């Protein structure tokens, strides 16, 4: 099963579609969660997910806005989609009886 950060990374990449690359994924995670995301943690996780067959990466074209450097593009594989869906389904299932989901009981 995926970890939380792996799920966030895969979900951000899937949402960005053809525009998914490291800096864009990092920004999406930070904007969505309000937490900082180190570039080291991001690329370590990308490597791990690619080794597991959940992501595919390749070098895109060099761009002027990056000083002629190429972007490392990222695509979620079908196996990655299944892993993210399984994670989401598990969290939703285990959350069903929680007070913050059902609004029953106190929140303290």
PDB file of N, CA and C in Angstrom:
ATOM      1  N   UNK A   1       0.847  -1.179   0.000  1.00  0.00           N
ATOM      2  CA  UNK A   1       0.000   0.000   0.000  1.00  0.00           C
ATOM      3  C   UNK A   1       0.895   1.246   0.000  1.00  0.00           C
ATOM      4  N   UNK A   2       0.410   2.271  -0.632  1.00  0.00           N
ATOM      5  CA  UNK A   2       1.132   3.538  -0.689  1.00  0.00           C
ATOM      6  C   UNK A   2       1.179   4.210   0.670  1.00  0.00           C
ATOM      7  N   UNK A   3       2.169   5.047   0.865  1.00  0.00           N
ATOM      8  CA  UNK A   3       2.204   5.951   2.004  1.00  0.00           C
ATOM      9  C   UNK A   3       1.496   7.242   1.612  1.00  0.00           C
ATOM     10  N   UNK A   4       1.256   8.078   2.610  1.00  0.00           N
ATOM     11  CA  UNK A   4       0.534   9.332   2.376  1.00  0.00           C
ATOM     12  C   UNK A   4       1.232  10.214   1.331  1.00  0.00           C
ATOM     13  N   UNK A   5       2.544  10.407   1.475  1.00  0.00           N
ATOM     14  CA  UNK A   5       3.248  11.290   0.549  1.00  0.00           C
ATOM     15  C   UNK A   5       3.285  10.698  -0.862  1.00  0.00           C
ATOM     16  N   UNK A   6       3.421   9.383  -0.951  1.00  0.00           N
ATOM     17  CA  UNK A   6       3.385   8.735  -2.265  1.00  0.00           C
ATOM     18  C   UNK A   6       2.031   8.976  -2.930  1.00  0.00           C
ATOM     19  N   UNK A   7       0.967   8.841  -2.147  1.00  0.00           N
ATOM     20  CA  UNK A   7      -0.372   9.088  -2.678  1.00  0.00           C
ATOM     21  C   UNK A   7      -0.518  10.530  -3.154  1.00  0.00           C
ATOM     22  N   UNK A   8      -0.056  11.476  -2.331  1.00  0.00           N
ATOM     23  CA  UNK A   8      -0.136  12.882  -2.721  1.00  0.00           C
ATOM     24  C   UNK A   8       0.620  13.145  -4.017  1.00  0.00           C
ATOM     25  N   UNK A   9       1.803  12.567  -4.135  1.00  0.00           N
ATOM     26  CA  UNK A   9       2.631  12.778  -5.322  1.00  0.00           C
ATOM     27  C   UNK A   9       1.953  12.199  -6.568  1.00  0.00           C
ATOM     28  N   UNK A  10       1.463  10.978  -6.478  1.00  0.00           N
ATOM     29  CA  UNK A  10       0.786  10.352  -7.622  1.00  0.00           C
ATOM     30  C   UNK A  10      -0.460  11.140  -7.998  1.00  0.00           C
ATOM     31  N   UNK A  11      -1.236  11.559  -7.002  1.00  0.00           N
ATOM     32  CA  UNK A  11      -2.465  12.295  -7.271  1.00  0.00           C
ATOM     33  C   UNK A  11      -2.171  13.657  -7.900  1.00  0.00           C
ATOM     34  N   UNK A  12      -1.152  14.338  -7.401  1.00  0.00           N
ATOM     35  CA  UNK A  12      -0.764  15.628  -7.995  1.00  0.00           C
ATOM     36  C   UNK A  12      -0.306  15.430  -9.440  1.00  0.00           C
ATOM     37  N   UNK A  13       0.506  14.420  -9.684  1.00  0.00           N
ATOM     38  CA  UNK A  13       0.984  14.151 -11.047  1.00  0.00           C
ATOM     39  C   UNK A  13      -0.178  13.832 -11.978  1.00  0.00           C
ATOM     40  N   UNK A  14      -1.116  13.032 -11.507  1.00  0.00           N
ATOM     41  CA  UNK A  14      -2.272  12.679 -12.338  1.00  0.00           C
ATOM     42  C   UNK A  14      -3.093  13.923 -12.656  1.00  0.00           C
ATOM     43  N   UNK A  15      -3.272  14.777 -11.676  1.00  0.00           N
ATOM     44  CA  UNK A  15      -4.048  16.001 -11.880  1.00  0.00           C
ATOM     45  C   UNK A  15      -3.389  16.979 -12.842  1.00  0.00           C
ATOM     46  N   UNK A  16      -2.059  16.996 -12.843  1.00  0.00           N
ATOM     47  CA  UNK A  16      -1.326  17.898 -13.736  1.00  0.00           C
ATOM     48  C   UNK A  16      -1.253  17.369 -15.160  1.00  0.00           C
ATOM     49  N   UNK A  17      -1.482  16.086 -15.340  1.00  0.00           N
ATOM     50  CA  UNK A  17      -1.486  15.492 -16.677  1.00  0.00           C
ATOM     51  C   UNK A  17      -0.171  15.698 -17.411  1.00  0.00           C
ATOM     52  N   UNK A  18      -0.244  16.229 -18.624  1.00  0.00           N
ATOM     53  CA  UNK A  18       0.944  16.436 -19.458  1.00  0.00           C
ATOM     54  C   UNK A  18       1.887  17.485 -18.885  1.00  0.00           C
ATOM     55  N   UNK A  19       1.434  18.251 -17.917  1.00  0.00           N
ATOM     56  CA  UNK A  19       2.275  19.280 -17.300  1.00  0.00           C
ATOM     57  C   UNK A  19       2.951  18.815 -16.019  1.00  0.00           C
ATOM     58  N   UNK A  20       2.969  17.509 -15.786  1.00  0.00           N
ATOM     59  CA  UNK A  20       3.530  16.981 -14.538  1.00  0.00           C
ATOM     60  C   UNK A  20       5.051  16.882 -14.623  1.00  0.00           C
ATOM     61  N   UNK A  21       5.717  17.658 -13.788  1.00  0.00           N
ATOM     62  CA  UNK A  21       7.172  17.571 -13.605  1.00  0.00           C
ATOM     63  C   UNK A  21       7.451  18.003 -12.174  1.00  0.00           C
ATOM     64  N   UNK A  22       8.657  17.790 -11.697  1.00  0.00           N
ATOM     65  CA  UNK A  22       8.990  17.965 -10.294  1.00  0.00           C
ATOM     66  C   UNK A  22       8.496  19.239  -9.646  1.00  0.00           C
ATOM     67  N   UNK A  23       8.863  20.386 -10.193  1.00  0.00           N
ATOM     68  CA  UNK A  23       8.506  21.669  -9.569  1.00  0.00           C
ATOM     69  C   UNK A  23       6.994  21.884  -9.539  1.00  0.00           C
ATOM     70  N   UNK A  24       6.293  21.486 -10.587  1.00  0.00           N
ATOM     71  CA  UNK A  24       4.834  21.652 -10.626  1.00  0.00           C
ATOM     72  C   UNK A  24       4.163  20.735  -9.606  1.00  0.00           C
ATOM     73  N   UNK A  25       4.656  19.510  -9.474  1.00  0.00           N
ATOM     74  CA  UNK A  25       4.104  18.580  -8.489  1.00  0.00           C
ATOM     75  C   UNK A  25       4.352  19.111  -7.083  1.00  0.00           C
ATOM     76  N   UNK A  26       5.555  19.595  -6.845  1.00  0.00           N
ATOM     77  CA  UNK A  26       5.897  20.149  -5.530  1.00  0.00           C
ATOM     78  C   UNK A  26       4.961  21.304  -5.175  1.00  0.00           C
ATOM     79  N   UNK A  27       4.743  22.201  -6.110  1.00  0.00           N
ATOM     80  CA  UNK A  27       3.850  23.344  -5.880  1.00  0.00           C
ATOM     81  C   UNK A  27       2.424  22.882  -5.602  1.00  0.00           C
ATOM     82  N   UNK A  28       1.961  21.898  -6.344  1.00  0.00           N
ATOM     83  CA  UNK A  28       0.604  21.374  -6.151  1.00  0.00           C
ATOM     84  C   UNK A  28       0.451  20.758  -4.763  1.00  0.00           C
ATOM     85  N   UNK A  29       1.432  19.988  -4.327  1.00  0.00           N
ATOM     86  CA  UNK A  29       1.381  19.368  -2.996  1.00  0.00           C
ATOM     87  C   UNK A  29       1.391  20.445  -1.917  1.00  0.00           C
ATOM     88  N   UNK A  30       2.272  21.428  -2.048  1.00  0.00           N
ATOM     89  CA  UNK A  30       2.360  22.494  -1.043  1.00  0.00           C
ATOM     90  C   UNK A  30       1.084  23.323  -0.987  1.00  0.00           C
ATOM     91  N   UNK A  31       0.526  23.650  -2.139  1.00  0.00           N
ATOM     92  CA  UNK A  31      -0.712  24.431  -2.197  1.00  0.00           C
ATOM     93  C   UNK A  31      -1.879  23.648  -1.609  1.00  0.00           C
ATOM     94  N   UNK A  32      -1.963  22.377  -1.928  1.00  0.00           N
ATOM     95  CA  UNK A  32      -3.086  21.551  -1.482  1.00  0.00           C
ATOM     96  C   UNK A  32      -3.030  21.209  -0.005  1.00  0.00           C
ATOM     97  N   UNK A  33      -1.825  20.998   0.530  1.00  0.00           N
ATOM     98  CA  UNK A  33      -1.703  20.535   1.918  1.00  0.00           C
ATOM     99  C   UNK A  33      -1.319  21.633   2.897  1.00  0.00           C
ATOM    100  N   UNK A  34      -0.734  22.722   2.396  1.00  0.00           N
ATOM    101  CA  UNK A  34      -0.239  23.775   3.275  1.00  0.00           C
ATOM    102  C   UNK A  34       1.061  23.401   3.964  1.00  0.00           C
ATOM    103  N   UNK A  35       1.668  22.312   3.523  1.00  0.00           N
ATOM    104  CA  UNK A  35       2.939  21.852   4.100  1.00  0.00           C
ATOM    105  C   UNK A  35       4.046  22.013   3.075  1.00  0.00           C
ATOM    106  N   UNK A  36       5.259  22.241   3.565  1.00  0.00           N
ATOM    107  CA  UNK A  36       6.392  22.347   2.650  1.00  0.00           C
ATOM    108  C   UNK A  36       6.810  20.958   2.188  1.00  0.00           C
ATOM    109  N   UNK A  37       7.370  20.929   1.016  1.00  0.00           N
ATOM    110  CA  UNK A  37       7.801  19.676   0.395  1.00  0.00           C
ATOM    111  C   UNK A  37       9.221  19.896  -0.098  1.00  0.00           C
ATOM    112  N   UNK A  38      10.179  19.205   0.494  1.00  0.00           N
ATOM    113  CA  UNK A  38      11.560  19.390   0.051  1.00  0.00           C
ATOM    114  C   UNK A  38      11.764  18.723  -1.305  1.00  0.00           C
ATOM    115  N   UNK A  39      12.591  19.341  -2.117  1.00  0.00           N
ATOM    116  CA  UNK A  39      12.858  18.795  -3.446  1.00  0.00           C
ATOM    117  C   UNK A  39      13.547  17.438  -3.337  1.00  0.00           C
ATOM    118  N   UNK A  40      14.364  17.258  -2.299  1.00  0.00           N
ATOM    119  CA  UNK A  40      15.019  15.973  -2.085  1.00  0.00           C
ATOM    120  C   UNK A  40      14.027  14.859  -1.802  1.00  0.00           C
ATOM    121  N   UNK A  41      13.072  15.124  -0.912  1.00  0.00           N
ATOM    122  CA  UNK A  41      12.039  14.132  -0.602  1.00  0.00           C
ATOM    123  C   UNK A  41      11.206  13.828  -1.837  1.00  0.00           C
ATOM    124  N   UNK A  42      10.915  14.862  -2.617  1.00  0.00           N
ATOM    125  CA  UNK A  42      10.114  14.685  -3.820  1.00  0.00           C
ATOM    126  C   UNK A  42      10.813  13.746  -4.804  1.00  0.00           C
ATOM    127  N   UNK A  43      12.069  14.035  -5.133  1.00  0.00           N
ATOM    128  CA  UNK A  43      12.756  13.223  -6.138  1.00  0.00           C
ATOM    129  C   UNK A  43      13.125  11.830  -5.625  1.00  0.00           C
ATOM    130  N   UNK A  44      13.365  11.691  -4.328  1.00  0.00           N
ATOM    131  CA  UNK A  44      13.596  10.358  -3.761  1.00  0.00           C
ATOM    132  C   UNK A  44      12.338   9.510  -3.917  1.00  0.00           C
ATOM    133  N   UNK A  45      11.191  10.120  -3.655  1.00  0.00           N
ATOM    134  CA  UNK A  45       9.920   9.408  -3.776  1.00  0.00           C
ATOM    135  C   UNK A  45       9.595   9.112  -5.228  1.00  0.00           C
ATOM    136  N   UNK A  46       9.884  10.040  -6.126  1.00  0.00           N
ATOM    137  CA  UNK A  46       9.676   9.793  -7.559  1.00  0.00           C
ATOM    138  C   UNK A  46      10.500   8.581  -7.994  1.00  0.00           C
ATOM    139  N   UNK A  47      11.758   8.528  -7.581  1.00  0.00           N
ATOM    140  CA  UNK A  47      12.623   7.387  -7.934  1.00  0.00           C
ATOM    141  C   UNK A  47      12.025   6.076  -7.417  1.00  0.00           C
ATOM    142  N   UNK A  48      11.590   6.079  -6.155  1.00  0.00           N
ATOM    143  CA  UNK A  48      11.023   4.870  -5.553  1.00  0.00           C
ATOM    144  C   UNK A  48       9.756   4.431  -6.289  1.00  0.00           C
ATOM    145  N   UNK A  49       8.883   5.381  -6.627  1.00  0.00           N
ATOM    146  CA  UNK A  49       7.644   5.052  -7.320  1.00  0.00           C
ATOM    147  C   UNK A  49       7.909   4.568  -8.743  1.00  0.00           C
ATOM    148  N   UNK A  50       8.940   5.111  -9.374  1.00  0.00           N
ATOM    149  CA  UNK A  50       9.282   4.633 -10.714  1.00  0.00           C
ATOM    150  C   UNK A  50       9.838   3.209 -10.645  1.00  0.00           C
ATOM    151  N   UNK A  51      10.657   2.930  -9.649  1.00  0.00           N
ATOM    152  CA  UNK A  51      11.196   1.576  -9.466  1.00  0.00           C
ATOM    153  C   UNK A  51      10.064   0.566  -9.250  1.00  0.00           C
ATOM    154  N   UNK A  52       9.018   0.981  -8.552  1.00  0.00           N
ATOM    155  CA  UNK A  52       7.861   0.113  -8.303  1.00  0.00           C
ATOM    156  C   UNK A  52       6.942   0.000  -9.521  1.00  0.00           C
ATOM    157  N   UNK A  53       7.211   0.787 -10.563  1.00  0.00           N
ATOM    158  CA  UNK A  53       6.380   0.759 -11.759  1.00  0.00           C
ATOM    159  C   UNK A  53       5.123   1.598 -11.665  1.00  0.00           C
ATOM    160  N   UNK A  54       5.074   2.514 -10.694  1.00  0.00           N
ATOM    161  CA  UNK A  54       3.886   3.340 -10.503  1.00  0.00           C
ATOM    162  C   UNK A  54       3.954   4.664 -11.259  1.00  0.00           C
ATOM    163  N   UNK A  55       5.159   5.074 -11.623  1.00  0.00           N
ATOM    164  CA  UNK A  55       5.397   6.283 -12.416  1.00  0.00           C
ATOM    165  C   UNK A  55       6.354   5.962 -13.538  1.00  0.00           C
ATOM    166  N   UNK A  56       6.299   6.766 -14.572  1.00  0.00           N
ATOM    167  CA  UNK A  56       7.265   6.724 -15.667  1.00  0.00           C
ATOM    168  C   UNK A  56       7.821   8.130 -15.813  1.00  0.00           C
ATOM    169  N   UNK A  57       9.150   8.268 -15.903  1.00  0.00           N
ATOM    170  CA  UNK A  57       9.738   9.593 -16.095  1.00  0.00           C
ATOM    171  C   UNK A  57      10.582   9.607 -17.364  1.00  0.00           C
ATOM    172  N   UNK A  58      10.748  10.792 -17.902  1.00  0.00           N
ATOM    173  CA  UNK A  58      11.617  11.012 -19.060  1.00  0.00           C
ATOM    174  C   UNK A  58      12.002  12.481 -19.077  1.00  0.00           C
ATOM    175  N   UNK A  59      13.060  12.783 -19.788  1.00  0.00           N
ATOM    176  CA  UNK A  59      13.511  14.167 -19.894  1.00  0.00           C
ATOM    177  C   UNK A  59      12.775  14.848 -21.039  1.00  0.00           C
ATOM    178  N   UNK A  60      12.133  15.969 -20.710  1.00  0.00           N
ATOM    179  CA  UNK A  60      11.430  16.759 -21.710  1.00  0.00           C
ATOM    180  C   UNK A  60      12.404  17.673 -22.443  1.00  0.00           C
ATOM    181  N   UNK A  61      11.855  18.560 -23.209  1.00  0.00           N
ATOM    182  CA  UNK A  61      12.660  19.509 -23.961  1.00  0.00           C
ATOM    183  C   UNK A  61      13.228  20.591 -23.040  1.00  0.00           C
ATOM    184  N   UNK A  62      14.372  21.124 -23.412  1.00  0.00           N
ATOM    185  CA  UNK A  62      14.948  22.256 -22.685  1.00  0.00           C
ATOM    186  C   UNK A  62      14.058  23.480 -22.917  1.00  0.00           C
ATOM    187  N   UNK A  63      13.917  24.300 -21.883  1.00  0.00           N
ATOM    188  CA  UNK A  63      13.074  25.484 -22.003  1.00  0.00           C
ATOM    189  C   UNK A  63      13.860  26.734 -21.628  1.00  0.00           C
ATOM    190  N   UNK A  64      13.523  27.840 -22.271  1.00  0.00           N
ATOM    191  CA  UNK A  64      14.205  29.110 -22.008  1.00  0.00           C
ATOM    192  C   UNK A  64      13.976  29.572 -20.570  1.00  0.00           C
ATOM    193  N   UNK A  65      12.740  29.373 -20.057  1.00  0.00           N
ATOM    194  CA  UNK A  65      12.464  29.819 -18.693  1.00  0.00           C
ATOM    195  C   UNK A  65      13.242  29.033 -17.650  1.00  0.00           C
ATOM    196  N   UNK A  66      13.803  27.900 -18.007  1.00  0.00           N
ATOM    197  CA  UNK A  66      14.636  27.115 -17.092  1.00  0.00           C
ATOM    198  C   UNK A  66      16.115  27.251 -17.451  1.00  0.00           C
ATOM    199  N   UNK A  67      16.446  28.292 -18.165  1.00  0.00           N
ATOM    200  CA  UNK A  67      17.836  28.523 -18.519  1.00  0.00           C
ATOM    201  C   UNK A  67      18.409  27.469 -19.447  1.00  0.00           C
ATOM    202  N   UNK A  68      17.558  26.906 -20.293  1.00  0.00           N
ATOM    203  CA  UNK A  68      17.998  25.890 -21.243  1.00  0.00           C
ATOM    204  C   UNK A  68      18.032  24.481 -20.673  1.00  0.00           C
ATOM    205  N   UNK A  69      17.595  24.317 -19.424  1.00  0.00           N
ATOM    206  CA  UNK A  69      17.578  22.986 -18.819  1.00  0.00           C
ATOM    207  C   UNK A  69      16.271  22.274 -19.148  1.00  0.00           C
ATOM    208  N   UNK A  70      16.351  20.956 -19.248  1.00  0.00           N
ATOM    209  CA  UNK A  70      15.174  20.142 -19.532  1.00  0.00           C
ATOM    210  C   UNK A  70      14.431  19.813 -18.243  1.00  0.00           C
ATOM    211  N   UNK A  71      13.127  19.599 -18.359  1.00  0.00           N
ATOM    212  CA  UNK A  71      12.305  19.173 -17.233  1.00  0.00           C
ATOM    213  C   UNK A  71      12.244  17.643 -17.210  1.00  0.00           C
ATOM    214  N   UNK A  72      12.219  17.082 -16.016  1.00  0.00           N
ATOM    215  CA  UNK A  72      11.996  15.645 -15.874  1.00  0.00           C
ATOM    216  C   UNK A  72      10.483  15.451 -15.785  1.00  0.00           C
ATOM    217  N   UNK A  73       9.902  14.980 -16.865  1.00  0.00           N
ATOM    218  CA  UNK A  73       8.456  14.823 -16.965  1.00  0.00           C
ATOM    219  C   UNK A  73       8.031  13.526 -16.278  1.00  0.00           C
ATOM    220  N   UNK A  74       6.794  13.514 -15.796  1.00  0.00           N
ATOM    221  CA  UNK A  74       6.307  12.387 -15.016  1.00  0.00           C
ATOM    222  C   UNK A  74       4.904  12.008 -15.475  1.00  0.00           C
ATOM    223  N   UNK A  75       4.691  10.716 -15.618  1.00  0.00           N
ATOM    224  CA  UNK A  75       3.371  10.183 -15.975  1.00  0.00           C
ATOM    225  C   UNK A  75       3.040   9.053 -15.020  1.00  0.00           C
ATOM    226  N   UNK A  76       1.815   9.012 -14.556  1.00  0.00           N
ATOM    227  CA  UNK A  76       1.344   7.930 -13.691  1.00  0.00           C
ATOM    228  C   UNK A  76       0.997   6.742 -14.586  1.00  0.00           C
ATOM    229  N   UNK A  77       1.496   5.574 -14.233  1.00  0.00           N
ATOM    230  CA  UNK A  77       1.206   4.361 -14.994  1.00  0.00           C
ATOM    231  C   UNK A  77      -0.145   3.788 -14.568  1.00  0.00           C
ATOM    232  N   UNK A  78      -0.704   2.858 -15.340  1.00  0.00           N
ATOM    233  CA  UNK A  78      -1.943   2.196 -14.909  1.00  0.00           C
ATOM    234  C   UNK A  78      -1.787   1.527 -13.534  1.00  0.00           C
ATOM    235  N   UNK A  79      -0.638   0.961 -13.269  1.00  0.00           N
ATOM    236  CA  UNK A  79      -0.376   0.364 -11.952  1.00  0.00           C
ATOM    237  C   UNK A  79      -0.406   1.439 -10.865  1.00  0.00           C
ATOM    238  N   UNK A  80       0.096   2.626 -11.161  1.00  0.00           N
ATOM    239  CA  UNK A  80       0.063   3.739 -10.221  1.00  0.00           C
ATOM    240  C   UNK A  80      -1.349   4.219  -9.958  1.00  0.00           C
ATOM    241  N   UNK A  81      -2.170   4.254 -10.998  1.00  0.00           N
ATOM    242  CA  UNK A  81      -3.574   4.646 -10.848  1.00  0.00           C
ATOM    243  C   UNK A  81      -4.274   3.663  -9.915  1.00  0.00           C
ATOM    244  N   UNK A  82      -4.039   2.365 -10.112  1.00  0.00           N
ATOM    245  CA  UNK A  82      -4.666   1.350  -9.252  1.00  0.00           C
ATOM    246  C   UNK A  82      -4.216   1.498  -7.804  1.00  0.00           C
ATOM    247  N   UNK A  83      -2.916   1.734  -7.593  1.00  0.00           N
ATOM    248  CA  UNK A  83      -2.385   1.884  -6.235  1.00  0.00           C
ATOM    249  C   UNK A  83      -2.999   3.102  -5.547  1.00  0.00           C
ATOM    250  N   UNK A  84      -3.134   4.210  -6.262  1.00  0.00           N
ATOM    251  CA  UNK A  84      -3.728   5.419  -5.678  1.00  0.00           C
ATOM    252  C   UNK A  84      -5.206   5.193  -5.371  1.00  0.00           C
ATOM    253  N   UNK A  85      -5.910   4.533  -6.270  1.00  0.00           N
ATOM    254  CA  UNK A  85      -7.325   4.238  -6.040  1.00  0.00           C
ATOM    255  C   UNK A  85      -7.481   3.324  -4.828  1.00  0.00           C
ATOM    256  N   UNK A  86      -6.644   2.303  -4.705  1.00  0.00           N
ATOM    257  CA  UNK A  86      -6.705   1.396  -3.553  1.00  0.00           C
ATOM    258  C   UNK A  86      -6.466   2.151  -2.250  1.00  0.00           C
ATOM    259  N   UNK A  87      -5.477   3.068  -2.251  1.00  0.00           N
ATOM    260  CA  UNK A  87      -5.189   3.872  -1.066  1.00  0.00           C
ATOM    261  C   UNK A  87      -6.402   4.722  -0.707  1.00  0.00           C
ATOM    262  N   UNK A  88      -6.944   5.418  -1.689  1.00  0.00           N
ATOM    263  CA  UNK A  88      -8.107   6.283  -1.458  1.00  0.00           C
ATOM    264  C   UNK A  88      -9.287   5.477  -0.910  1.00  0.00           C
ATOM    265  N   UNK A  89      -9.556   4.340  -1.533  1.00  0.00           N
ATOM    266  CA  UNK A  89     -10.668   3.497  -1.093  1.00  0.00           C
ATOM    267  C   UNK A  89     -10.471   3.019   0.342  1.00  0.00           C
ATOM    268  N   UNK A  90      -9.253   2.648   0.706  1.00  0.00           N
ATOM    269  CA  UNK A  90      -8.968   2.187   2.067  1.00  0.00           C
ATOM    270  C   UNK A  90      -9.183   3.304   3.082  1.00  0.00           C
ATOM    271  N   UNK A  91      -8.717   4.511   2.768  1.00  0.00           N
ATOM    272  CA  UNK A  91      -8.906   5.651   3.678  1.00  0.00           C
ATOM    273  C   UNK A  91     -10.393   5.971   3.810  1.00  0.00           C
ATOM    274  N   UNK A  92     -11.116   5.971   2.708  1.00  0.00           N
ATOM    275  CA  UNK A  92     -12.549   6.252   2.759  1.00  0.00           C
ATOM    276  C   UNK A  92     -13.280   5.195   3.586  1.00  0.00           C
ATOM    277  N   UNK A  93     -12.914   3.941   3.407  1.00  0.00           N
ATOM    278  CA  UNK A  93     -13.579   2.845   4.121  1.00  0.00           C
ATOM    279  C   UNK A  93     -13.325   2.933   5.624  1.00  0.00           C
ATOM    280  N   UNK A  94     -12.085   3.140   6.013  1.00  0.00           N
ATOM    281  CA  UNK A  94     -11.763   3.191   7.440  1.00  0.00           C
ATOM    282  C   UNK A  94     -12.308   4.460   8.096  1.00  0.00           C
ATOM    283  N   UNK A  95     -12.574   5.487   7.309  1.00  0.00           N
ATOM    284  CA  UNK A  95     -13.061   6.765   7.839  1.00  0.00           C
ATOM    285  C   UNK A  95     -14.566   6.792   8.059  1.00  0.00           C
ATOM    286  N   UNK A  96     -15.273   5.828   7.561  1.00  0.00           N
ATOM    287  CA  UNK A  96     -16.749   5.873   7.580  1.00  0.00           C
ATOM    288  C   UNK A  96     -17.339   6.093   8.965  1.00  0.00           C
ATOM    289  N   UNK A  97     -16.768   5.512   9.989  1.00  0.00           N
ATOM    290  CA  UNK A  97     -17.344   5.653  11.314  1.00  0.00           C
ATOM    291  C   UNK A  97     -16.749   6.773  12.142  1.00  0.00           C
ATOM    292  N   UNK A  98     -15.840   7.522  11.580  1.00  0.00           N
ATOM    293  CA  UNK A  98     -15.180   8.587  12.337  1.00  0.00           C
ATOM    294  C   UNK A  98     -16.124   9.757  12.571  1.00  0.00           C
ATOM    295  N   UNK A  99     -16.022  10.359  13.741  1.00  0.00           N
ATOM    296  CA  UNK A  99     -16.940  11.436  14.106  1.00  0.00           C
ATOM    297  C   UNK A  99     -16.852  12.631  13.157  1.00  0.00           C
ATOM    298  N   UNK A 100     -15.660  12.901  12.630  1.00  0.00           N
ATOM    299  CA  UNK A 100     -15.554  14.064  11.735  1.00  0.00           C
ATOM    300  C   UNK A 100     -16.139  13.788  10.364  1.00  0.00           C
ATOM    301  N   UNK A 101     -16.366  12.520  10.046  1.00  0.00           N
ATOM    302  CA  UNK A 101     -16.993  12.162   8.775  1.00  0.00           C
ATOM    303  C   UNK A 101     -18.508  12.136   8.924  1.00  0.00           C
ATOM    304  N   UNK A 102     -18.980  11.543  10.001  1.00  0.00           N
ATOM    305  CA  UNK A 102     -20.415  11.363  10.200  1.00  0.00           C
ATOM    306  C   UNK A 102     -21.040  12.479  11.021  1.00  0.00           C
ATOM    307  N   UNK A 103     -20.181  13.336  11.611  1.00  0.00           N
ATOM    308  CA  UNK A 103     -20.643  14.456  12.440  1.00  0.00           C
ATOM    309  C   UNK A 103     -21.418  13.961  13.662  1.00  0.00           C
ATOM    310  N   UNK A 104     -21.070  12.745  14.135  1.00  0.00           N
ATOM    311  CA  UNK A 104     -21.670  12.217  15.363  1.00  0.00           C
ATOM    312  C   UNK A 104     -20.686  12.420  16.501  1.00  0.00           C
ATOM    313  N   UNK A 105     -21.199  12.633  17.659  1.00  0.00           N
ATOM    314  CA  UNK A 105     -20.357  12.703  18.840  1.00  0.00           C
ATOM    315  C   UNK A 105     -19.556  13.993  18.887  1.00  0.00           C
ATOM    316  N   UNK A 106     -18.691  14.086  19.897  1.00  0.00           N
ATOM    317  CA  UNK A 106     -17.873  15.296  20.048  1.00  0.00           C
ATOM    318  C   UNK A 106     -16.597  15.182  19.233  1.00  0.00           C
ATOM    319  N   UNK A 107     -15.970  16.314  18.966  1.00  0.00           N
ATOM    320  CA  UNK A 107     -14.719  16.338  18.206  1.00  0.00           C
ATOM    321  C   UNK A 107     -13.516  16.460  19.106  1.00  0.00           C
ATOM    322  N   UNK A 108     -13.725  16.390  20.413  1.00  0.00           N
ATOM    323  CA  UNK A 108     -12.582  16.532  21.331  1.00  0.00           C
ATOM    324  C   UNK A 108     -11.933  15.220  21.662  1.00  0.00           C
TER     325      UNK A 108
END
